[in-house]
Each structure stands twice: as structure tokens, then as C-alpha cells.
Amino acid sequence: MKKIILFALIFTACSNIAADYVEELNALGLNEFSTEEEAETYAKKTCLQVELGEITYGSKVEGLAIKNFCNEYYDEFRILTTDQILIEQLKESNLISKFKSESIAISSSKEFCKSLKGKPINLIRGPEEYKVGVELLCPEFLKDFKIFSNEDLYIELLEDNNLLNEFAAPRQAINLAYEKCDSIDNGGAAKGNLAEKIGVEIFCPEYKDSFSILRVVDVSGTFELNSDYSRYSGYSIGGTDSNCYGTGGYSDIKRSMNIILKNTQGITLYRAVVTKVTRTLRSQCTFYFTFYDVVEGEDVYIFEVSNRGEMNYTFDRLASLGIAVSLGD
């Protein structure tokens, strides 16, 4: 009879501790256990891990478990936030160096978890350093998670988007993606082409939401050379109707002349290709040209023909209206 009474007292005491544990979890909105028995089992397992030296820190859920079930370890147990636990686990796994900073490790891991939502099982994958975040932040994906390097994933996505041929080799594509992330880290603009956007999503996803894809357009234009008639030399335009050019003071105006777009630092960004030359009037020669693959991003694009002066254009103006300029009387 005494044994039965003693067992009943112990059982009641344990049940009361479990009830207190669950009540505290409920008060903090942290209770994810279905029953008190499940909570008690978890708490006792946590206590055993602490006793064996397997864990020295954890969440508030684990901290309350220790406080209620093995209080003698509570003072030495470190209660950390989820972000702090992630950093500790990355350090223990020698993976923290994969990130440029602890704050980037946290934001990147969270973005990575978001990116897994809605993906098919065969795409639940990523580099080893992100597996730590998956286990802690989105464990529902852990069972299907496969380790797959960021570099392999980037090359695969470039191929899927028919972009890999734009690079001399896969390694060049990877290096440029790293350089783009470094540039943004150092204050550069979070914008670029589709290949750079894919690189940002993989190598520095903390910038993914702020990154914008730059437009790329072909810019066409016309350049008219006009000449008054001179009784001494006639018109300052020579050549045929389909291949005219300037003469005299306009001798630099010809099919091979330099037609460029440059930035405000004076760096030449694009050189136009002359596609057609037409003598529309005896006094007029028109050059048709195109700048191919002009990329958005400059505040101003400076247009120049054969060192004959400059004109400023915005990208929107270039994209919508092209260029139409003239020289001469």
C-alpha cells in the first residue's frame, strides 16, 4: 500500500510539473505540444541532453523545460533567440564563414526558407550552410532537403533561362555573380540584368526583394548632314545616293565615323553600327544607325558623333523616341 501511495504522489507531482510547464508555454504563446504527456517527454529529453553535456543553450521552450524539470541546470543554461541559436549552430558546424557577416547569415537563411515554399520535392535543395537554417527555421522541409552547391544551382538556372552562353565559361558567370554581390555589399546599386538577378537570389538573397532588373533595348537613330550650296565648291556632300558622305569641312562625316554613347565620367559605353546611308536631297545626307543592347542604369547617356558636340538623353527617352540629330545649315 505504501508503494502505491508513493507512486501516486510521484505521478501527481510530475503531472503538476507538466501542467505548470504547459501553462507557462501557453502564457508566452509557445505551446506547440498536443498533450501534457508530450510536453513532459520533450522536457525530460531536454534535461537528459543538458545532463550529458550535449546542449548548453536553447530556446525559451527548452529553458522552461529545464526550469521546471531539472532546475539545477537552469542557471548555466543560455536562453537564446532563434537568430542567436542559428549563429551558434553555424559556428559549431564551421559554416559561419560561408556568410560575409552574422546579420547576412540570418537574413539569407530566412530568405532561403521562404524560397522553398511551393517548390517541388526535387527542388528542395541548397548548399550545406543553408541546411542549418532549414533545420531550425523551416524544419518541415528538412526531410526532403538535399545538399546542392550554390554554384551548381546558379549554372543550372542560367541554363534553364538560356543565359549561360552569354559567358565565356561557367566559372566566369560564377565569378561575376560573386562580384555583383560584393558590389551591393559595398553600396552599389541593387539592379542589373536577369543573370545578375539570379546570382543575387542565390549568392546574396538578402538583396533579392530590393533588386530590380534593368531594361535592355536597341536604340535606333538618324544623323542628318545638311549643306548650303557654295558657288565655289557646290554642296559639301559627296558620294552616291546610297553611300554619301561629307566633304570639305565635313570630311569627318562618313559611314565609318565614331557614333557613341558614353556616361558622365566620359567612358564610352556603346558604339553605334551604321545600317544605311541615304542622300535624301542634294544638300542632305542621312545616316541611319543603331546602338545594340543598351542597358538601363545610367542617370544620363551622352550622345556624340565624330567629336561634333554632345547631347544628353535619359534611358526612357532613348527607349521610346530614339535619337534624331542634325548638323549643318
C-alpha atoms as a PDB file:
ATOM      1  CA  MET A   1       0.000   0.000   0.000  1.00  0.00           C
ATOM      2  CA  LYS A   2       2.841   2.416   0.841  1.00  0.00           C
ATOM      3  CA  LYS A   3       4.420   1.784  -2.559  1.00  0.00           C
ATOM      4  CA  ILE A   4       1.147   2.524  -4.301  1.00  0.00           C
ATOM      5  CA  ILE A   5       0.707   5.760  -2.329  1.00  0.00           C
ATOM      6  CA  LEU A   6       4.319   6.814  -3.021  1.00  0.00           C
ATOM      7  CA  PHE A   7       3.886   6.118  -6.753  1.00  0.00           C
ATOM      8  CA  ALA A   8       0.688   8.128  -6.760  1.00  0.00           C
ATOM      9  CA  LEU A   9       2.432  11.065  -5.091  1.00  0.00           C
ATOM     10  CA  ILE A  10       5.311  10.975  -7.588  1.00  0.00           C
ATOM     11  CA  PHE A  11       2.897  10.684 -10.539  1.00  0.00           C
ATOM     12  CA  THR A  12       0.832  13.590  -9.207  1.00  0.00           C
ATOM     13  CA  ALA A  13       3.963  15.701  -8.699  1.00  0.00           C
ATOM     14  CA  CYS A  14       5.168  15.001 -12.246  1.00  0.00           C
ATOM     15  CA  SER A  15       1.773  15.735 -13.646  1.00  0.00           C
ATOM     16  CA  ASN A  16       1.671  19.041 -11.777  1.00  0.00           C
ATOM     17  CA  ILE A  17       5.116  19.984 -13.126  1.00  0.00           C
ATOM     18  CA  ALA A  18       3.992  19.166 -16.658  1.00  0.00           C
ATOM     19  CA  ALA A  19       0.853  21.228 -16.160  1.00  0.00           C
ATOM     20  CA  ASP A  20       2.928  24.166 -14.903  1.00  0.00           C
ATOM     21  CA  TYR A  21       5.271  23.815 -17.881  1.00  0.00           C
ATOM     22  CA  VAL A  22       2.406  23.834 -20.365  1.00  0.00           C
ATOM     23  CA  GLU A  23       0.763  26.764 -18.588  1.00  0.00           C
ATOM     24  CA  GLU A  24       3.937  28.844 -18.871  1.00  0.00           C
ATOM     25  CA  LEU A  25       4.268  27.943 -22.536  1.00  0.00           C
ATOM     26  CA  ASN A  26       0.657  28.950 -23.141  1.00  0.00           C
ATOM     27  CA  ALA A  27       1.223  32.283 -21.432  1.00  0.00           C
ATOM     28  CA  LEU A  28       4.087  33.037 -23.818  1.00  0.00           C
ATOM     29  CA  GLY A  29       2.280  31.661 -26.876  1.00  0.00           C
ATOM     30  CA  LEU A  30       4.962  28.985 -27.293  1.00  0.00           C
ATOM     31  CA  ASN A  31       3.000  25.807 -26.686  1.00  0.00           C
ATOM     32  CA  GLU A  32       3.111  23.506 -29.697  1.00  0.00           C
ATOM     33  CA  PHE A  33       2.529  20.292 -27.763  1.00  0.00           C
ATOM     34  CA  SER A  34      -0.676  18.315 -28.206  1.00  0.00           C
ATOM     35  CA  THR A  35      -0.789  16.974 -24.640  1.00  0.00           C
ATOM     36  CA  GLU A  36       0.890  17.450 -21.283  1.00  0.00           C
ATOM     37  CA  GLU A  37       2.440  13.996 -21.676  1.00  0.00           C
ATOM     38  CA  GLU A  38       4.079  15.047 -24.925  1.00  0.00           C
ATOM     39  CA  ALA A  39       5.401  18.233 -23.285  1.00  0.00           C
ATOM     40  CA  GLU A  40       6.751  16.238 -20.346  1.00  0.00           C
ATOM     41  CA  THR A  41       8.528  13.763 -22.639  1.00  0.00           C
ATOM     42  CA  TYR A  42      10.168  16.607 -24.521  1.00  0.00           C
ATOM     43  CA  ALA A  43      11.222  18.352 -21.311  1.00  0.00           C
ATOM     44  CA  LYS A  44      12.790  15.210 -19.845  1.00  0.00           C
ATOM     45  CA  LYS A  45      14.674  14.558 -23.067  1.00  0.00           C
ATOM     46  CA  THR A  46      15.994  18.135 -22.915  1.00  0.00           C
ATOM     47  CA  CYS A  47      17.108  17.644 -19.329  1.00  0.00           C
ATOM     48  CA  LEU A  48      18.955  14.476 -20.305  1.00  0.00           C
ATOM     49  CA  GLN A  49      20.752  16.302 -23.114  1.00  0.00           C
ATOM     50  CA  VAL A  50      21.848  19.027 -20.689  1.00  0.00           C
ATOM     51  CA  GLU A  51      22.960  16.461 -18.126  1.00  0.00           C
ATOM     52  CA  LEU A  52      25.073  14.680 -20.761  1.00  0.00           C
ATOM     53  CA  GLY A  53      26.569  17.971 -21.920  1.00  0.00           C
ATOM     54  CA  GLU A  54      25.043  17.697 -25.396  1.00  0.00           C
ATOM     55  CA  ILE A  55      23.443  21.133 -25.259  1.00  0.00           C
ATOM     56  CA  THR A  56      24.293  24.275 -23.287  1.00  0.00           C
ATOM     57  CA  TYR A  57      21.846  26.706 -24.884  1.00  0.00           C
ATOM     58  CA  GLY A  58      18.424  26.723 -26.457  1.00  0.00           C
ATOM     59  CA  SER A  59      15.114  28.484 -26.899  1.00  0.00           C
ATOM     60  CA  LYS A  60      12.666  29.651 -24.240  1.00  0.00           C
ATOM     61  CA  VAL A  61      10.780  26.370 -24.706  1.00  0.00           C
ATOM     62  CA  GLU A  62      13.878  24.430 -23.686  1.00  0.00           C
ATOM     63  CA  GLY A  63      14.743  26.926 -20.976  1.00  0.00           C
ATOM     64  CA  LEU A  64      11.323  26.496 -19.343  1.00  0.00           C
ATOM     65  CA  ALA A  65      11.673  22.734 -19.617  1.00  0.00           C
ATOM     66  CA  ILE A  66      14.912  22.884 -17.642  1.00  0.00           C
ATOM     67  CA  LYS A  67      13.466  25.353 -15.163  1.00  0.00           C
ATOM     68  CA  ASN A  68      10.562  23.038 -14.380  1.00  0.00           C
ATOM     69  CA  PHE A  69      12.111  19.562 -14.670  1.00  0.00           C
ATOM     70  CA  CYS A  70      15.812  19.931 -13.842  1.00  0.00           C
ATOM     71  CA  ASN A  71      16.183  23.298 -12.202  1.00  0.00           C
ATOM     72  CA  GLU A  72      19.729  22.602 -11.009  1.00  0.00           C
ATOM     73  CA  TYR A  73      20.959  23.224 -14.577  1.00  0.00           C
ATOM     74  CA  TYR A  74      18.880  26.328 -15.203  1.00  0.00           C
ATOM     75  CA  ASP A  75      21.402  28.996 -14.111  1.00  0.00           C
ATOM     76  CA  GLU A  76      24.061  27.714 -16.520  1.00  0.00           C
ATOM     77  CA  PHE A  77      21.726  27.170 -19.461  1.00  0.00           C
ATOM     78  CA  ARG A  78      21.752  30.009 -22.024  1.00  0.00           C
ATOM     79  CA  ILE A  79      18.360  31.001 -23.390  1.00  0.00           C
ATOM     80  CA  LEU A  80      18.886  32.464 -26.859  1.00  0.00           C
ATOM     81  CA  THR A  81      16.724  33.911 -29.590  1.00  0.00           C
ATOM     82  CA  THR A  82      16.214  31.936 -32.784  1.00  0.00           C
ATOM     83  CA  ASP A  83      18.679  34.206 -34.577  1.00  0.00           C
ATOM     84  CA  GLN A  84      21.299  33.642 -31.885  1.00  0.00           C
ATOM     85  CA  ILE A  85      20.770  29.882 -31.995  1.00  0.00           C
ATOM     86  CA  LEU A  86      21.253  29.914 -35.771  1.00  0.00           C
ATOM     87  CA  ILE A  87      24.585  31.698 -35.415  1.00  0.00           C
ATOM     88  CA  GLU A  88      25.749  29.322 -32.689  1.00  0.00           C
ATOM     89  CA  GLN A  89      24.854  26.286 -34.801  1.00  0.00           C
ATOM     90  CA  LEU A  90      26.603  27.707 -37.860  1.00  0.00           C
ATOM     91  CA  LYS A  91      29.710  28.293 -35.753  1.00  0.00           C
ATOM     92  CA  GLU A  92      29.586  24.782 -34.346  1.00  0.00           C
ATOM     93  CA  SER A  93      29.299  23.394 -37.871  1.00  0.00           C
ATOM     94  CA  ASN A  94      32.200  25.586 -39.080  1.00  0.00           C
ATOM     95  CA  LEU A  95      29.859  27.084 -41.685  1.00  0.00           C
ATOM     96  CA  ILE A  96      29.583  30.668 -40.452  1.00  0.00           C
ATOM     97  CA  SER A  97      32.478  31.642 -42.752  1.00  0.00           C
ATOM     98  CA  LYS A  98      30.242  30.903 -45.737  1.00  0.00           C
ATOM     99  CA  PHE A  99      28.490  34.191 -44.989  1.00  0.00           C
ATOM    100  CA  LYS A 100      30.012  37.669 -45.053  1.00  0.00           C
ATOM    101  CA  SER A 101      28.588  38.550 -41.647  1.00  0.00           C
ATOM    102  CA  GLU A 102      26.312  37.178 -38.949  1.00  0.00           C
ATOM    103  CA  SER A 103      23.497  39.516 -39.957  1.00  0.00           C
ATOM    104  CA  ILE A 104      23.742  38.290 -43.547  1.00  0.00           C
ATOM    105  CA  ALA A 105      23.730  34.685 -42.326  1.00  0.00           C
ATOM    106  CA  ILE A 106      20.450  35.350 -40.513  1.00  0.00           C
ATOM    107  CA  SER A 107      18.707  37.254 -43.305  1.00  0.00           C
ATOM    108  CA  SER A 108      19.933  34.868 -46.008  1.00  0.00           C
ATOM    109  CA  SER A 109      18.783  31.801 -44.091  1.00  0.00           C
ATOM    110  CA  LYS A 110      15.326  33.301 -43.598  1.00  0.00           C
ATOM    111  CA  GLU A 111      15.063  34.249 -47.284  1.00  0.00           C
ATOM    112  CA  PHE A 112      16.163  30.760 -48.253  1.00  0.00           C
ATOM    113  CA  CYS A 113      13.379  29.203 -46.174  1.00  0.00           C
ATOM    114  CA  LYS A 114      10.863  31.496 -47.864  1.00  0.00           C
ATOM    115  CA  SER A 115      12.156  30.423 -51.270  1.00  0.00           C
ATOM    116  CA  LEU A 116      11.415  26.754 -50.549  1.00  0.00           C
ATOM    117  CA  LYS A 117       7.685  27.301 -50.170  1.00  0.00           C
ATOM    118  CA  GLY A 118       5.732  25.856 -53.062  1.00  0.00           C
ATOM    119  CA  LYS A 119       8.725  24.164 -54.667  1.00  0.00           C
ATOM    120  CA  PRO A 120       8.517  20.532 -55.832  1.00  0.00           C
ATOM    121  CA  ILE A 121      10.415  17.983 -53.771  1.00  0.00           C
ATOM    122  CA  ASN A 122      13.242  17.677 -56.303  1.00  0.00           C
ATOM    123  CA  LEU A 123      13.975  21.396 -55.843  1.00  0.00           C
ATOM    124  CA  ILE A 124      14.105  21.298 -52.039  1.00  0.00           C
ATOM    125  CA  ARG A 125      17.850  21.660 -52.074  1.00  0.00           C
ATOM    126  CA  GLY A 126      20.648  24.080 -51.373  1.00  0.00           C
ATOM    127  CA  PRO A 127      24.176  24.441 -50.003  1.00  0.00           C
ATOM    128  CA  GLU A 128      25.274  22.863 -46.752  1.00  0.00           C
ATOM    129  CA  GLU A 129      25.222  26.129 -44.817  1.00  0.00           C
ATOM    130  CA  TYR A 130      21.512  26.568 -45.519  1.00  0.00           C
ATOM    131  CA  LYS A 131      20.660  23.136 -44.168  1.00  0.00           C
ATOM    132  CA  VAL A 132      21.364  24.516 -40.682  1.00  0.00           C
ATOM    133  CA  GLY A 133      18.757  27.214 -41.247  1.00  0.00           C
ATOM    134  CA  VAL A 134      16.249  24.736 -42.662  1.00  0.00           C
ATOM    135  CA  GLU A 135      16.555  22.522 -39.596  1.00  0.00           C
ATOM    136  CA  LEU A 136      15.944  25.454 -37.274  1.00  0.00           C
ATOM    137  CA  LEU A 137      13.686  27.835 -39.217  1.00  0.00           C
ATOM    138  CA  CYS A 138      11.655  25.631 -41.553  1.00  0.00           C
ATOM    139  CA  PRO A 139      12.062  22.026 -40.397  1.00  0.00           C
ATOM    140  CA  GLU A 140       9.080  20.927 -42.482  1.00  0.00           C
ATOM    141  CA  PHE A 141      11.469  20.893 -45.472  1.00  0.00           C
ATOM    142  CA  LEU A 142      14.298  19.036 -43.718  1.00  0.00           C
ATOM    143  CA  LYS A 143      13.207  15.513 -44.685  1.00  0.00           C
ATOM    144  CA  ASP A 144      13.337  16.315 -48.419  1.00  0.00           C
ATOM    145  CA  PHE A 145      16.323  18.668 -48.310  1.00  0.00           C
ATOM    146  CA  LYS A 146      19.317  17.712 -50.465  1.00  0.00           C
ATOM    147  CA  ILE A 147      22.681  19.424 -50.305  1.00  0.00           C
ATOM    148  CA  PHE A 148      23.363  21.105 -53.636  1.00  0.00           C
ATOM    149  CA  SER A 149      26.065  23.747 -54.049  1.00  0.00           C
ATOM    150  CA  ASN A 150      25.099  27.315 -54.844  1.00  0.00           C
ATOM    151  CA  GLU A 151      27.454  27.353 -57.790  1.00  0.00           C
ATOM    152  CA  ASP A 152      25.890  24.243 -59.344  1.00  0.00           C
ATOM    153  CA  LEU A 153      22.442  25.711 -58.807  1.00  0.00           C
ATOM    154  CA  TYR A 154      23.418  29.028 -60.407  1.00  0.00           C
ATOM    155  CA  ILE A 155      24.779  27.357 -63.541  1.00  0.00           C
ATOM    156  CA  GLU A 156      21.669  25.181 -63.774  1.00  0.00           C
ATOM    157  CA  LEU A 157      19.373  28.210 -63.561  1.00  0.00           C
ATOM    158  CA  LEU A 158      21.407  30.091 -66.161  1.00  0.00           C
ATOM    159  CA  GLU A 159      20.995  27.139 -68.491  1.00  0.00           C
ATOM    160  CA  ASP A 160      17.254  26.969 -67.791  1.00  0.00           C
ATOM    161  CA  ASN A 161      16.941  30.647 -68.754  1.00  0.00           C
ATOM    162  CA  ASN A 162      19.195  30.329 -71.850  1.00  0.00           C
ATOM    163  CA  LEU A 163      21.724  32.712 -70.319  1.00  0.00           C
ATOM    164  CA  LEU A 164      24.835  30.572 -69.905  1.00  0.00           C
ATOM    165  CA  ASN A 165      26.002  31.207 -73.489  1.00  0.00           C
ATOM    166  CA  GLU A 166      26.411  34.881 -72.610  1.00  0.00           C
ATOM    167  CA  PHE A 167      29.526  33.960 -70.609  1.00  0.00           C
ATOM    168  CA  ALA A 168      32.873  32.666 -71.825  1.00  0.00           C
ATOM    169  CA  ALA A 169      32.714  29.842 -69.285  1.00  0.00           C
ATOM    170  CA  PRO A 170      30.642  28.793 -66.236  1.00  0.00           C
ATOM    171  CA  ARG A 171      33.427  29.936 -63.918  1.00  0.00           C
ATOM    172  CA  GLN A 172      33.242  33.453 -65.378  1.00  0.00           C
ATOM    173  CA  ALA A 173      29.490  33.542 -64.711  1.00  0.00           C
ATOM    174  CA  ILE A 174      30.042  32.447 -61.114  1.00  0.00           C
ATOM    175  CA  ASN A 175      32.825  34.983 -60.524  1.00  0.00           C
ATOM    176  CA  LEU A 176      30.714  37.811 -61.925  1.00  0.00           C
ATOM    177  CA  ALA A 177      27.815  36.817 -59.660  1.00  0.00           C
ATOM    178  CA  TYR A 178      30.114  36.997 -56.628  1.00  0.00           C
ATOM    179  CA  GLU A 179      31.387  40.389 -57.809  1.00  0.00           C
ATOM    180  CA  LYS A 180      27.816  41.686 -58.103  1.00  0.00           C
ATOM    181  CA  CYS A 181      27.055  40.677 -54.519  1.00  0.00           C
ATOM    182  CA  ASP A 182      30.298  42.308 -53.351  1.00  0.00           C
ATOM    183  CA  SER A 183      29.359  45.472 -55.214  1.00  0.00           C
ATOM    184  CA  ILE A 184      25.968  45.664 -53.500  1.00  0.00           C
ATOM    185  CA  ASP A 185      27.613  44.941 -50.143  1.00  0.00           C
ATOM    186  CA  ASN A 186      29.833  47.966 -50.742  1.00  0.00           C
ATOM    187  CA  GLY A 187      26.944  50.285 -51.556  1.00  0.00           C
ATOM    188  CA  GLY A 188      26.461  49.599 -55.252  1.00  0.00           C
ATOM    189  CA  ALA A 189      23.022  49.668 -56.842  1.00  0.00           C
ATOM    190  CA  ALA A 190      20.860  46.580 -56.379  1.00  0.00           C
ATOM    191  CA  LYS A 191      19.971  46.344 -60.042  1.00  0.00           C
ATOM    192  CA  GLY A 192      21.193  44.545 -63.114  1.00  0.00           C
ATOM    193  CA  ASN A 193      20.283  42.042 -65.789  1.00  0.00           C
ATOM    194  CA  LEU A 194      18.465  38.730 -65.364  1.00  0.00           C
ATOM    195  CA  ALA A 195      21.670  36.732 -64.898  1.00  0.00           C
ATOM    196  CA  GLU A 196      22.728  39.098 -62.107  1.00  0.00           C
ATOM    197  CA  LYS A 197      19.292  38.861 -60.514  1.00  0.00           C
ATOM    198  CA  ILE A 198      19.545  35.055 -60.442  1.00  0.00           C
ATOM    199  CA  GLY A 199      23.019  35.380 -58.935  1.00  0.00           C
ATOM    200  CA  VAL A 200      21.732  37.706 -56.217  1.00  0.00           C
ATOM    201  CA  GLU A 201      18.869  35.330 -55.381  1.00  0.00           C
ATOM    202  CA  ILE A 202      21.388  32.520 -54.859  1.00  0.00           C
ATOM    203  CA  PHE A 203      24.565  34.122 -53.507  1.00  0.00           C
ATOM    204  CA  CYS A 204      23.178  37.104 -51.559  1.00  0.00           C
ATOM    205  CA  PRO A 205      19.395  36.605 -51.229  1.00  0.00           C
ATOM    206  CA  GLU A 206      19.138  39.319 -48.589  1.00  0.00           C
ATOM    207  CA  TYR A 207      19.092  41.750 -51.547  1.00  0.00           C
ATOM    208  CA  LYS A 208      16.565  39.775 -53.593  1.00  0.00           C
ATOM    209  CA  ASP A 209      13.485  41.861 -52.777  1.00  0.00           C
ATOM    210  CA  SER A 210      15.200  45.185 -53.478  1.00  0.00           C
ATOM    211  CA  PHE A 211      16.857  44.052 -56.707  1.00  0.00           C
ATOM    212  CA  SER A 212      15.423  45.366 -59.969  1.00  0.00           C
ATOM    213  CA  ILE A 213      16.086  44.089 -63.462  1.00  0.00           C
ATOM    214  CA  LEU A 214      17.414  46.707 -65.858  1.00  0.00           C
ATOM    215  CA  ARG A 215      15.797  47.023 -69.258  1.00  0.00           C
ATOM    216  CA  VAL A 216      17.869  46.305 -72.344  1.00  0.00           C
ATOM    217  CA  VAL A 217      16.888  47.924 -75.671  1.00  0.00           C
ATOM    218  CA  ASP A 218      18.251  48.573 -79.137  1.00  0.00           C
ATOM    219  CA  VAL A 219      18.360  52.317 -79.771  1.00  0.00           C
ATOM    220  CA  SER A 220      17.960  53.455 -83.370  1.00  0.00           C
ATOM    221  CA  GLY A 221      18.589  56.927 -84.676  1.00  0.00           C
ATOM    222  CA  THR A 222      19.314  59.227 -87.574  1.00  0.00           C
ATOM    223  CA  PHE A 223      22.024  61.781 -88.139  1.00  0.00           C
ATOM    224  CA  GLU A 224      21.453  64.334 -90.901  1.00  0.00           C
ATOM    225  CA  LEU A 225      24.219  66.290 -92.529  1.00  0.00           C
ATOM    226  CA  ASN A 226      22.903  69.457 -94.208  1.00  0.00           C
ATOM    227  CA  SER A 227      24.933  71.697 -96.509  1.00  0.00           C
ATOM    228  CA  ASP A 228      24.247  75.056 -98.113  1.00  0.00           C
ATOM    229  CA  TYR A 229      25.286  75.472-101.715  1.00  0.00           C
ATOM    230  CA  SER A 230      28.560  77.258-102.349  1.00  0.00           C
ATOM    231  CA  ARG A 231      29.232  78.729-105.808  1.00  0.00           C
ATOM    232  CA  TYR A 232      32.879  77.789-105.324  1.00  0.00           C
ATOM    233  CA  SER A 233      32.556  74.174-104.140  1.00  0.00           C
ATOM    234  CA  GLY A 234      28.900  73.271-104.535  1.00  0.00           C
ATOM    235  CA  TYR A 235      27.409  71.203-101.743  1.00  0.00           C
ATOM    236  CA  SER A 236      29.745  69.778 -99.067  1.00  0.00           C
ATOM    237  CA  ILE A 237      28.326  66.299 -99.688  1.00  0.00           C
ATOM    238  CA  GLY A 238      29.848  63.701-101.960  1.00  0.00           C
ATOM    239  CA  GLY A 239      29.276  60.097-102.890  1.00  0.00           C
ATOM    240  CA  THR A 240      26.266  58.309-104.283  1.00  0.00           C
ATOM    241  CA  ASP A 241      22.657  58.399-103.213  1.00  0.00           C
ATOM    242  CA  SER A 242      23.178  55.167-101.251  1.00  0.00           C
ATOM    243  CA  ASN A 243      26.602  55.986 -99.855  1.00  0.00           C
ATOM    244  CA  CYS A 244      27.007  59.715 -99.387  1.00  0.00           C
ATOM    245  CA  TYR A 245      29.489  61.459 -97.080  1.00  0.00           C
ATOM    246  CA  GLY A 246      30.683  64.893 -96.077  1.00  0.00           C
ATOM    247  CA  THR A 247      33.391  66.822 -97.908  1.00  0.00           C
ATOM    248  CA  GLY A 248      35.434  69.910 -97.148  1.00  0.00           C
ATOM    249  CA  GLY A 249      34.743  70.996 -93.583  1.00  0.00           C
ATOM    250  CA  TYR A 250      32.511  67.950 -93.156  1.00  0.00           C
ATOM    251  CA  SER A 251      35.010  65.350 -94.358  1.00  0.00           C
ATOM    252  CA  ASP A 252      34.882  63.565 -90.988  1.00  0.00           C
ATOM    253  CA  ILE A 253      31.205  62.746 -91.541  1.00  0.00           C
ATOM    254  CA  LYS A 254      31.135  59.337 -93.223  1.00  0.00           C
ATOM    255  CA  ARG A 255      29.951  55.792 -92.704  1.00  0.00           C
ATOM    256  CA  SER A 256      32.985  54.898 -90.570  1.00  0.00           C
ATOM    257  CA  MET A 257      32.670  57.895 -88.222  1.00  0.00           C
ATOM    258  CA  ASN A 258      32.527  57.408 -84.472  1.00  0.00           C
ATOM    259  CA  ILE A 259      28.965  57.411 -83.087  1.00  0.00           C
ATOM    260  CA  ILE A 260      28.975  56.713 -79.365  1.00  0.00           C
ATOM    261  CA  LEU A 261      27.047  56.773 -76.116  1.00  0.00           C
ATOM    262  CA  LYS A 262      29.091  57.464 -73.017  1.00  0.00           C
ATOM    263  CA  ASN A 263      28.470  58.085 -69.334  1.00  0.00           C
ATOM    264  CA  THR A 264      29.076  61.209 -67.273  1.00  0.00           C
ATOM    265  CA  GLN A 265      32.610  60.006 -66.484  1.00  0.00           C
ATOM    266  CA  GLY A 266      33.416  60.098 -70.198  1.00  0.00           C
ATOM    267  CA  ILE A 267      33.631  56.330 -70.543  1.00  0.00           C
ATOM    268  CA  THR A 268      32.363  55.044 -73.870  1.00  0.00           C
ATOM    269  CA  LEU A 269      29.575  52.565 -73.224  1.00  0.00           C
ATOM    270  CA  TYR A 270      28.298  51.769 -76.726  1.00  0.00           C
ATOM    271  CA  ARG A 271      29.332  52.293 -80.345  1.00  0.00           C
ATOM    272  CA  ALA A 272      26.643  52.510 -82.983  1.00  0.00           C
ATOM    273  CA  VAL A 273      26.501  50.463 -86.154  1.00  0.00           C
ATOM    274  CA  VAL A 274      25.604  52.475 -89.268  1.00  0.00           C
ATOM    275  CA  THR A 275      22.941  50.438 -91.041  1.00  0.00           C
ATOM    276  CA  LYS A 276      22.181  52.688 -94.016  1.00  0.00           C
ATOM    277  CA  VAL A 277      23.319  55.927 -95.644  1.00  0.00           C
ATOM    278  CA  THR A 278      20.984  57.884 -97.956  1.00  0.00           C
ATOM    279  CA  ARG A 279      21.341  61.137 -99.898  1.00  0.00           C
ATOM    280  CA  THR A 280      17.787  62.312 -99.391  1.00  0.00           C
ATOM    281  CA  LEU A 281      18.470  65.703-101.040  1.00  0.00           C
ATOM    282  CA  ARG A 282      21.433  67.118-102.933  1.00  0.00           C
ATOM    283  CA  SER A 283      22.029  69.159 -99.807  1.00  0.00           C
ATOM    284  CA  GLN A 284      21.367  66.415 -97.290  1.00  0.00           C
ATOM    285  CA  CYS A 285      22.948  63.068 -96.344  1.00  0.00           C
ATOM    286  CA  THR A 286      21.224  60.936 -93.721  1.00  0.00           C
ATOM    287  CA  PHE A 287      22.961  58.247 -91.671  1.00  0.00           C
ATOM    288  CA  TYR A 288      20.814  55.563 -90.023  1.00  0.00           C
ATOM    289  CA  PHE A 289      22.402  53.830 -87.051  1.00  0.00           C
ATOM    290  CA  THR A 290      21.630  51.514 -84.145  1.00  0.00           C
ATOM    291  CA  PHE A 291      23.096  51.028 -80.681  1.00  0.00           C
ATOM    292  CA  TYR A 292      22.536  47.385 -79.764  1.00  0.00           C
ATOM    293  CA  ASP A 293      21.746  46.127 -76.240  1.00  0.00           C
ATOM    294  CA  VAL A 294      21.766  49.438 -74.392  1.00  0.00           C
ATOM    295  CA  VAL A 295      21.302  48.701 -70.695  1.00  0.00           C
ATOM    296  CA  GLU A 296      19.299  50.867 -68.334  1.00  0.00           C
ATOM    297  CA  GLY A 297      21.074  52.215 -65.283  1.00  0.00           C
ATOM    298  CA  GLU A 298      22.919  55.427 -66.161  1.00  0.00           C
ATOM    299  CA  ASP A 299      21.467  58.736 -64.995  1.00  0.00           C
ATOM    300  CA  VAL A 300      22.420  60.272 -68.327  1.00  0.00           C
ATOM    301  CA  TYR A 301      23.600  58.827 -71.642  1.00  0.00           C
ATOM    302  CA  ILE A 302      25.778  61.258 -73.602  1.00  0.00           C
ATOM    303  CA  PHE A 303      25.479  61.007 -77.377  1.00  0.00           C
ATOM    304  CA  GLU A 304      28.308  62.141 -79.620  1.00  0.00           C
ATOM    305  CA  VAL A 305      29.090  61.966 -83.350  1.00  0.00           C
ATOM    306  CA  SER A 306      32.676  62.400 -84.541  1.00  0.00           C
ATOM    307  CA  ASN A 307      33.544  64.881 -81.764  1.00  0.00           C
ATOM    308  CA  ARG A 308      30.888  67.277 -83.076  1.00  0.00           C
ATOM    309  CA  GLY A 309      29.347  68.108 -79.706  1.00  0.00           C
ATOM    310  CA  GLU A 310      27.319  66.229 -77.142  1.00  0.00           C
ATOM    311  CA  MET A 311      23.655  65.695 -76.363  1.00  0.00           C
ATOM    312  CA  ASN A 312      22.221  64.191 -73.173  1.00  0.00           C
ATOM    313  CA  TYR A 313      19.488  61.554 -73.074  1.00  0.00           C
ATOM    314  CA  THR A 314      17.689  59.648 -70.359  1.00  0.00           C
ATOM    315  CA  PHE A 315      17.142  55.937 -70.848  1.00  0.00           C
ATOM    316  CA  ASP A 316      13.379  56.415 -71.160  1.00  0.00           C
ATOM    317  CA  ARG A 317      13.913  58.964 -73.936  1.00  0.00           C
ATOM    318  CA  LEU A 318      16.283  56.633 -75.782  1.00  0.00           C
ATOM    319  CA  ALA A 319      13.937  53.672 -75.395  1.00  0.00           C
ATOM    320  CA  SER A 320      10.798  55.486 -76.502  1.00  0.00           C
ATOM    321  CA  LEU A 321      11.974  58.027 -79.099  1.00  0.00           C
ATOM    322  CA  GLY A 322      15.437  57.015 -80.184  1.00  0.00           C
ATOM    323  CA  ILE A 323      17.836  59.672 -81.480  1.00  0.00           C
ATOM    324  CA  ALA A 324      17.362  62.236 -84.237  1.00  0.00           C
ATOM    325  CA  VAL A 325      20.044  64.904 -84.680  1.00  0.00           C
ATOM    326  CA  SER A 326      21.376  67.059 -87.470  1.00  0.00           C
ATOM    327  CA  LEU A 327      24.483  69.009 -88.358  1.00  0.00           C
ATOM    328  CA  GLY A 328      24.960  71.914 -90.733  1.00  0.00           C
ATOM    329  CA  ASP A 329      22.963  74.757 -92.144  1.00  0.00           C
END
